[in-house]
C-alpha atoms as a PDB file:
ATOM      1  CA  MET A   1      50.254  -9.433  -4.667  1.00  0.00           C
ATOM      2  CA  GLY A   2      48.272  -8.247  -1.916  1.00  0.00           C
ATOM      3  CA  MET A   3      47.437  -4.562  -2.257  1.00  0.00           C
ATOM      4  CA  GLY A   4      48.528  -1.680  -0.198  1.00  0.00           C
ATOM      5  CA  ILE A   5      46.635  -0.078   2.560  1.00  0.00           C
ATOM      6  CA  ASP A   6      45.921   3.266   0.213  1.00  0.00           C
ATOM      7  CA  LEU A   7      44.554   0.935  -2.713  1.00  0.00           C
ATOM      8  CA  ARG A   8      41.991  -0.909  -0.195  1.00  0.00           C
ATOM      9  CA  ASP A   9      41.141   1.965   0.550  1.00  0.00           C
ATOM     10  CA  LYS A  10      40.394   3.075  -2.588  1.00  0.00           C
ATOM     11  CA  LEU A  11      37.944  -0.123  -2.978  1.00  0.00           C
ATOM     12  CA  ALA A  12      36.275   0.700   0.550  1.00  0.00           C
ATOM     13  CA  LYS A  13      35.839   4.366  -0.865  1.00  0.00           C
ATOM     14  CA  ARG A  14      33.799   3.050  -3.894  1.00  0.00           C
ATOM     15  CA  ALA A  15      32.024   0.375  -1.607  1.00  0.00           C
ATOM     16  CA  ALA A  16      30.544   3.157   0.560  1.00  0.00           C
ATOM     17  CA  GLU A  17      29.042   5.038  -2.525  1.00  0.00           C
ATOM     18  CA  GLU A  18      26.169   2.385  -2.721  1.00  0.00           C
ATOM     19  CA  ILE A  19      25.251   3.035   0.638  1.00  0.00           C
ATOM     20  CA  GLN A  20      22.483   5.608   1.194  1.00  0.00           C
ATOM     21  CA  ASN A  21      20.756   6.756   4.034  1.00  0.00           C
ATOM     22  CA  GLY A  22      18.602   4.816   6.516  1.00  0.00           C
ATOM     23  CA  MET A  23      20.133   1.424   5.480  1.00  0.00           C
ATOM     24  CA  VAL A  24      21.352  -1.723   7.491  1.00  0.00           C
ATOM     25  CA  VAL A  25      24.589  -2.754   5.746  1.00  0.00           C
ATOM     26  CA  ASN A  26      26.530  -5.717   6.895  1.00  0.00           C
ATOM     27  CA  LEU A  27      30.185  -5.882   6.263  1.00  0.00           C
ATOM     28  CA  GLY A  28      32.513  -8.746   5.327  1.00  0.00           C
ATOM     29  CA  ILE A  29      36.033  -9.161   7.228  1.00  0.00           C
ATOM     30  CA  GLY A  30      39.226  -7.239   5.005  1.00  0.00           C
ATOM     31  CA  ILE A  31      38.259  -4.412   2.953  1.00  0.00           C
ATOM     32  CA  PRO A  32      34.682  -4.428   3.383  1.00  0.00           C
ATOM     33  CA  SER A  33      35.406  -3.461   7.057  1.00  0.00           C
ATOM     34  CA  LEU A  34      36.932  -0.549   6.041  1.00  0.00           C
ATOM     35  CA  VAL A  35      34.144   1.443   4.534  1.00  0.00           C
ATOM     36  CA  PRO A  36      32.545   3.016   7.572  1.00  0.00           C
ATOM     37  CA  ASN A  37      35.512   5.276   7.309  1.00  0.00           C
ATOM     38  CA  HIS A  38      34.759   6.550   3.863  1.00  0.00           C
ATOM     39  CA  LEU A  39      30.921   7.722   4.656  1.00  0.00           C
ATOM     40  CA  THR A  40      30.109  11.487   5.431  1.00  0.00           C
ATOM     41  CA  LYS A  41      29.275  11.961   8.731  1.00  0.00           C
ATOM     42  CA  GLU A  42      25.658  13.187   7.482  1.00  0.00           C
ATOM     43  CA  THR A  43      24.843   9.634   5.878  1.00  0.00           C
ATOM     44  CA  MET A  44      23.207   7.755   8.957  1.00  0.00           C
ATOM     45  CA  VAL A  45      23.521   4.398   8.072  1.00  0.00           C
ATOM     46  CA  MET A  46      23.188   1.006  10.720  1.00  0.00           C
ATOM     47  CA  PHE A  47      26.545  -1.605  10.045  1.00  0.00           C
ATOM     48  CA  HIS A  48      24.974  -5.212  11.193  1.00  0.00           C
ATOM     49  CA  ALA A  49      27.489  -7.948  12.075  1.00  0.00           C
ATOM     50  CA  GLU A  50      26.759 -11.441  12.916  1.00  0.00           C
ATOM     51  CA  ASN A  51      28.276 -11.465  16.480  1.00  0.00           C
ATOM     52  CA  GLY A  52      25.113  -9.484  17.501  1.00  0.00           C
ATOM     53  CA  ILE A  53      25.961  -5.352  16.802  1.00  0.00           C
ATOM     54  CA  THR A  54      23.779  -3.021  15.070  1.00  0.00           C
ATOM     55  CA  GLY A  55      25.504   0.435  14.613  1.00  0.00           C
ATOM     56  CA  MET A  56      29.166   0.298  14.177  1.00  0.00           C
ATOM     57  CA  GLY A  57      31.192   3.395  14.043  1.00  0.00           C
ATOM     58  CA  ALA A  58      34.425   3.561  12.395  1.00  0.00           C
ATOM     59  CA  SER A  59      37.335   1.491  13.406  1.00  0.00           C
ATOM     60  CA  PRO A  60      38.877   3.428  16.692  1.00  0.00           C
ATOM     61  CA  ALA A  61      42.027   5.493  17.527  1.00  0.00           C
ATOM     62  CA  LYS A  62      44.953   3.691  18.680  1.00  0.00           C
ATOM     63  CA  GLY A  63      44.867   3.431  22.220  1.00  0.00           C
ATOM     64  CA  GLU A  64      40.977   3.920  22.140  1.00  0.00           C
ATOM     65  CA  GLU A  65      40.116   0.307  21.639  1.00  0.00           C
ATOM     66  CA  ASP A  66      37.101  -1.415  23.446  1.00  0.00           C
ATOM     67  CA  GLU A  67      38.375  -5.114  24.025  1.00  0.00           C
ATOM     68  CA  ASN A  68      34.493  -6.480  24.225  1.00  0.00           C
ATOM     69  CA  LEU A  69      33.443  -4.335  21.435  1.00  0.00           C
ATOM     70  CA  CYS A  70      34.576  -6.157  17.820  1.00  0.00           C
ATOM     71  CA  ASN A  71      33.134  -6.691  14.242  1.00  0.00           C
ATOM     72  CA  ALA A  72      32.238 -10.483  13.410  1.00  0.00           C
ATOM     73  CA  GLY A  73      36.103 -11.161  12.482  1.00  0.00           C
ATOM     74  CA  GLY A  74      37.046 -10.153  15.862  1.00  0.00           C
ATOM     75  CA  PHE A  75      38.673  -6.763  14.975  1.00  0.00           C
ATOM     76  CA  PRO A  76      37.838  -3.720  17.573  1.00  0.00           C
ATOM     77  CA  VAL A  77      34.788  -1.388  16.275  1.00  0.00           C
ATOM     78  CA  THR A  78      33.267   1.924  18.080  1.00  0.00           C
ATOM     79  CA  LEU A  79      29.131   1.691  18.725  1.00  0.00           C
ATOM     80  CA  ASN A  80      27.249   4.541  17.092  1.00  0.00           C
ATOM     81  CA  MET A  81      24.697   6.869  19.002  1.00  0.00           C
ATOM     82  CA  GLY A  82      21.831   4.005  19.056  1.00  0.00           C
ATOM     83  CA  GLY A  83      23.110   1.340  18.238  1.00  0.00           C
ATOM     84  CA  SER A  84      22.488  -1.933  19.750  1.00  0.00           C
ATOM     85  CA  TYR A  85      23.770  -5.359  21.074  1.00  0.00           C
ATOM     86  CA  CYS A  86      21.916  -8.883  20.675  1.00  0.00           C
ATOM     87  CA  ASP A  87      23.104 -12.126  20.346  1.00  0.00           C
ATOM     88  CA  SER A  88      24.313 -14.079  17.223  1.00  0.00           C
ATOM     89  CA  SER A  89      20.385 -16.031  16.843  1.00  0.00           C
ATOM     90  CA  ILE A  90      18.910 -12.365  16.436  1.00  0.00           C
ATOM     91  CA  ALA A  91      21.331 -10.711  14.718  1.00  0.00           C
ATOM     92  CA  PHE A  92      21.337 -14.368  11.844  1.00  0.00           C
ATOM     93  CA  GLY A  93      17.313 -13.555  12.099  1.00  0.00           C
ATOM     94  CA  MET A  94      17.702 -10.050  10.702  1.00  0.00           C
ATOM     95  CA  ILE A  95      19.571 -11.157   7.776  1.00  0.00           C
ATOM     96  CA  ARG A  96      17.190 -14.195   7.286  1.00  0.00           C
ATOM     97  CA  ARG A  97      14.183 -12.071   7.536  1.00  0.00           C
ATOM     98  CA  GLY A  98      15.405  -9.735   4.837  1.00  0.00           C
ATOM     99  CA  ARG A  99      16.202  -7.076   6.894  1.00  0.00           C
ATOM    100  CA  VAL A 100      20.083  -6.620   5.335  1.00  0.00           C
ATOM    101  CA  ASP A 101      19.591  -3.976   2.266  1.00  0.00           C
ATOM    102  CA  ILE A 102      23.319  -4.123   1.587  1.00  0.00           C
ATOM    103  CA  THR A 103      25.921  -6.882   2.145  1.00  0.00           C
ATOM    104  CA  ILE A 104      29.782  -5.925   1.289  1.00  0.00           C
ATOM    105  CA  LEU A 105      32.037  -8.760   1.361  1.00  0.00           C
ATOM    106  CA  GLY A 106      35.394 -10.327  -0.351  1.00  0.00           C
ATOM    107  CA  SER A 107      35.640 -13.560  -2.244  1.00  0.00           C
ATOM    108  CA  LEU A 108      37.555 -16.073  -3.618  1.00  0.00           C
ATOM    109  CA  GLN A 109      35.898 -16.222  -7.275  1.00  0.00           C
ATOM    110  CA  VAL A 110      33.093 -14.639  -8.675  1.00  0.00           C
ATOM    111  CA  SER A 111      31.516 -16.054 -11.868  1.00  0.00           C
ATOM    112  CA  ARG A 112      30.062 -14.372 -14.948  1.00  0.00           C
ATOM    113  CA  LYS A 113      26.622 -15.446 -13.535  1.00  0.00           C
ATOM    114  CA  GLY A 114      27.267 -14.144 -10.001  1.00  0.00           C
ATOM    115  CA  ASP A 115      27.796 -16.910  -8.540  1.00  0.00           C
ATOM    116  CA  LEU A 116      30.009 -16.722  -4.875  1.00  0.00           C
ATOM    117  CA  ALA A 117      32.840 -18.791  -4.014  1.00  0.00           C
ATOM    118  CA  ASN A 118      34.348 -17.286  -0.774  1.00  0.00           C
ATOM    119  CA  TRP A 119      34.700 -19.313   1.845  1.00  0.00           C
ATOM    120  CA  ILE A 120      36.856 -22.478   1.425  1.00  0.00           C
ATOM    121  CA  VAL A 121      40.173 -23.154  -0.684  1.00  0.00           C
ATOM    122  CA  PRO A 122      39.809 -27.227  -0.583  1.00  0.00           C
ATOM    123  CA  GLY A 123      42.718 -28.467   1.732  1.00  0.00           C
ATOM    124  CA  LYS A 124      43.659 -25.167   3.519  1.00  0.00           C
ATOM    125  CA  LYS A 125      42.268 -24.193   7.288  1.00  0.00           C
ATOM    126  CA  VAL A 126      39.708 -21.846   6.793  1.00  0.00           C
ATOM    127  CA  PRO A 127      37.613 -20.209  10.311  1.00  0.00           C
ATOM    128  CA  GLY A 128      34.099 -21.530   8.455  1.00  0.00           C
ATOM    129  CA  MET A 129      31.324 -19.984   6.528  1.00  0.00           C
ATOM    130  CA  GLY A 130      30.171 -17.254   8.744  1.00  0.00           C
ATOM    131  CA  GLY A 131      27.039 -15.453   7.870  1.00  0.00           C
ATOM    132  CA  ALA A 132      28.428 -15.613   4.244  1.00  0.00           C
ATOM    133  CA  MET A 133      25.595 -18.460   2.977  1.00  0.00           C
ATOM    134  CA  GLU A 134      22.752 -16.339   4.599  1.00  0.00           C
ATOM    135  CA  LEU A 135      23.850 -13.012   3.677  1.00  0.00           C
ATOM    136  CA  ALA A 136      24.553 -13.562  -0.003  1.00  0.00           C
ATOM    137  CA  GLN A 137      20.604 -15.626   0.054  1.00  0.00           C
ATOM    138  CA  LYS A 138      19.337 -12.658   1.878  1.00  0.00           C
ATOM    139  CA  ALA A 139      20.614  -9.289   1.395  1.00  0.00           C
ATOM    140  CA  ARG A 140      19.019  -7.149  -0.693  1.00  0.00           C
ATOM    141  CA  LYS A 141      21.950  -6.287  -2.634  1.00  0.00           C
ATOM    142  CA  VAL A 142      25.416  -8.110  -2.401  1.00  0.00           C
ATOM    143  CA  ILE A 143      28.788  -6.234  -3.588  1.00  0.00           C
ATOM    144  CA  VAL A 144      31.888  -7.744  -3.778  1.00  0.00           C
ATOM    145  CA  VAL A 145      35.290  -6.382  -3.258  1.00  0.00           C
ATOM    146  CA  MET A 146      38.326  -7.943  -4.260  1.00  0.00           C
ATOM    147  CA  ASN A 147      41.413  -8.343  -5.823  1.00  0.00           C
ATOM    148  CA  HIS A 148      40.955  -8.914  -9.829  1.00  0.00           C
ATOM    149  CA  CYS A 149      43.586 -11.787  -9.593  1.00  0.00           C
ATOM    150  CA  ASP A 150      44.525 -14.209  -6.610  1.00  0.00           C
ATOM    151  CA  LYS A 151      48.001 -14.356  -5.906  1.00  0.00           C
ATOM    152  CA  ASN A 152      49.159 -16.303  -8.477  1.00  0.00           C
ATOM    153  CA  GLY A 153      48.203 -14.177 -10.775  1.00  0.00           C
ATOM    154  CA  LYS A 154      44.616 -15.817 -12.226  1.00  0.00           C
ATOM    155  CA  PRO A 155      41.630 -14.243 -12.699  1.00  0.00           C
ATOM    156  CA  LYS A 156      38.781 -14.596  -9.687  1.00  0.00           C
ATOM    157  CA  ILE A 157      36.429 -13.570 -11.936  1.00  0.00           C
ATOM    158  CA  VAL A 158      35.702 -16.477 -14.251  1.00  0.00           C
ATOM    159  CA  GLU A 159      33.247 -18.104 -16.674  1.00  0.00           C
ATOM    160  CA  THR A 160      32.392 -21.378 -14.119  1.00  0.00           C
ATOM    161  CA  CYS A 161      33.801 -21.320 -10.294  1.00  0.00           C
ATOM    162  CA  THR A 162      36.390 -24.213  -9.500  1.00  0.00           C
ATOM    163  CA  LEU A 163      36.145 -23.906  -5.533  1.00  0.00           C
ATOM    164  CA  PRO A 164      32.685 -24.733  -3.861  1.00  0.00           C
ATOM    165  CA  LEU A 165      30.238 -21.974  -3.806  1.00  0.00           C
ATOM    166  CA  THR A 166      28.688 -19.906  -1.021  1.00  0.00           C
ATOM    167  CA  SER A 167      25.960 -19.156  -3.533  1.00  0.00           C
ATOM    168  CA  ALA A 168      24.896 -19.180  -6.681  1.00  0.00           C
ATOM    169  CA  GLY A 169      23.382 -16.239  -8.993  1.00  0.00           C
ATOM    170  CA  CYS A 170      23.546 -14.072  -5.324  1.00  0.00           C
ATOM    171  CA  VAL A 171      26.198 -10.902  -6.775  1.00  0.00           C
ATOM    172  CA  ASP A 172      24.896  -7.779  -7.643  1.00  0.00           C
ATOM    173  CA  LEU A 173      28.319  -5.439  -7.751  1.00  0.00           C
ATOM    174  CA  ILE A 174      32.072  -6.425  -8.059  1.00  0.00           C
ATOM    175  CA  ILE A 175      34.725  -3.662  -7.145  1.00  0.00           C
ATOM    176  CA  THR A 176      38.121  -4.725  -7.989  1.00  0.00           C
ATOM    177  CA  GLU A 177      41.201  -2.729  -8.324  1.00  0.00           C
ATOM    178  CA  LEU A 178      40.886  -2.276 -12.101  1.00  0.00           C
ATOM    179  CA  ALA A 179      37.202  -1.807 -12.426  1.00  0.00           C
ATOM    180  CA  VAL A 180      33.306  -2.107 -11.585  1.00  0.00           C
ATOM    181  CA  PHE A 181      30.855  -4.911 -13.055  1.00  0.00           C
ATOM    182  CA  LYS A 182      27.570  -4.903 -12.566  1.00  0.00           C
ATOM    183  CA  VAL A 183      26.107  -8.590 -12.686  1.00  0.00           C
ATOM    184  CA  ASN A 184      23.085  -8.650 -14.715  1.00  0.00           C
ATOM    185  CA  GLU A 185      20.754 -11.737 -16.221  1.00  0.00           C
ATOM    186  CA  GLU A 186      22.900 -11.528 -19.967  1.00  0.00           C
ATOM    187  CA  GLY A 187      26.342 -12.177 -17.596  1.00  0.00           C
ATOM    188  CA  LEU A 188      29.086  -8.908 -16.528  1.00  0.00           C
ATOM    189  CA  LEU A 189      28.696  -5.193 -17.824  1.00  0.00           C
ATOM    190  CA  LEU A 190      31.942  -3.234 -17.094  1.00  0.00           C
ATOM    191  CA  THR A 191      30.647   0.438 -16.078  1.00  0.00           C
ATOM    192  CA  GLU A 192      33.437   1.699 -14.439  1.00  0.00           C
ATOM    193  CA  LEU A 193      37.469   1.838 -14.748  1.00  0.00           C
ATOM    194  CA  PHE A 194      40.034   3.057 -12.355  1.00  0.00           C
ATOM    195  CA  ALA A 195      42.775   4.841 -13.105  1.00  0.00           C
ATOM    196  CA  PRO A 196      45.239   4.164 -14.404  1.00  0.00           C
ATOM    197  CA  TYR A 197      43.864   1.084 -15.983  1.00  0.00           C
ATOM    198  CA  SER A 198      42.741   0.660 -19.813  1.00  0.00           C
ATOM    199  CA  LEU A 199      39.985  -1.554 -21.025  1.00  0.00           C
ATOM    200  CA  ALA A 200      42.651  -3.880 -22.245  1.00  0.00           C
ATOM    201  CA  ASP A 201      44.288  -4.153 -18.786  1.00  0.00           C
ATOM    202  CA  VAL A 202      40.882  -5.567 -17.432  1.00  0.00           C
ATOM    203  CA  LYS A 203      40.370  -7.929 -20.830  1.00  0.00           C
ATOM    204  CA  SER A 204      43.874  -9.660 -20.325  1.00  0.00           C
ATOM    205  CA  LYS A 205      42.958 -10.255 -16.696  1.00  0.00           C
ATOM    206  CA  THR A 206      39.660 -11.279 -16.624  1.00  0.00           C
ATOM    207  CA  GLY A 207      38.326 -15.115 -17.041  1.00  0.00           C
ATOM    208  CA  CYS A 208      35.169 -14.477 -19.001  1.00  0.00           C
ATOM    209  CA  HIS A 209      33.530 -12.587 -21.455  1.00  0.00           C
ATOM    210  CA  PHE A 210      31.521  -9.262 -20.444  1.00  0.00           C
ATOM    211  CA  LYS A 211      30.117  -6.169 -22.091  1.00  0.00           C
ATOM    212  CA  ILE A 212      30.861  -3.214 -21.872  1.00  0.00           C
ATOM    213  CA  GLU A 213      28.897   0.185 -20.702  1.00  0.00           C
ATOM    214  CA  GLU A 214      29.015   2.667 -23.714  1.00  0.00           C
ATOM    215  CA  GLN A 215      29.924   5.625 -21.016  1.00  0.00           C
ATOM    216  CA  ILE A 216      32.271   4.395 -18.893  1.00  0.00           C
ATOM    217  CA  ARG A 217      33.226   5.875 -15.748  1.00  0.00           C
ATOM    218  CA  LYS A 218      36.732   7.054 -15.132  1.00  0.00           C
ATOM    219  CA  ILE A 219      37.750   6.909 -11.168  1.00  0.00           C
ATOM    220  CA  PRO A 220      40.918   8.875 -11.202  1.00  0.00           C
ATOM    221  CA  TYR A 221      41.424   7.592  -7.592  1.00  0.00           C
END
């Protein structure tokens, strides 16, 4: 089952909590692209995209789109005051030099150790890896926002990834519609639960062992 619009926004809203003033943040396609819509006007952040933008704003209103202004997924965006354009090689140079504070991206699988598999399902047509490999390696914090299970109901959080890896041991935080996990040296730590889900729900839909924070935050939305 896919996510409804409101559920996608719930995850984007939670991911937005990780962003602090002055950060440079790269957003993947899908749910991560909704994150700018959930920041306060006081939060000064520069959103970066591999196609050569630093300083993206929120999604434009219908009819206000500029056909020349889009994110790395090809969707229309706006440009904030102070935003700038560059070519793709400079945009990747910023990533590889470690100038991106946070990357927020989707994934097909994440392992207990924070391995990321988000670029290909063998045998399926895909548009390409994009900047995922560089971002996973070089961003200072890697946040995965995804469905807890795939469309067949199989866990996407697993002991060992069965899909080709984008990067090993790179994920710091996982946000799904059920829960939030931190990834540390011991493995996964469940720190937050989305209402109305329980620990039992999460255990039944997670394909590996995880530890549980003593004080779990319950997220009402």
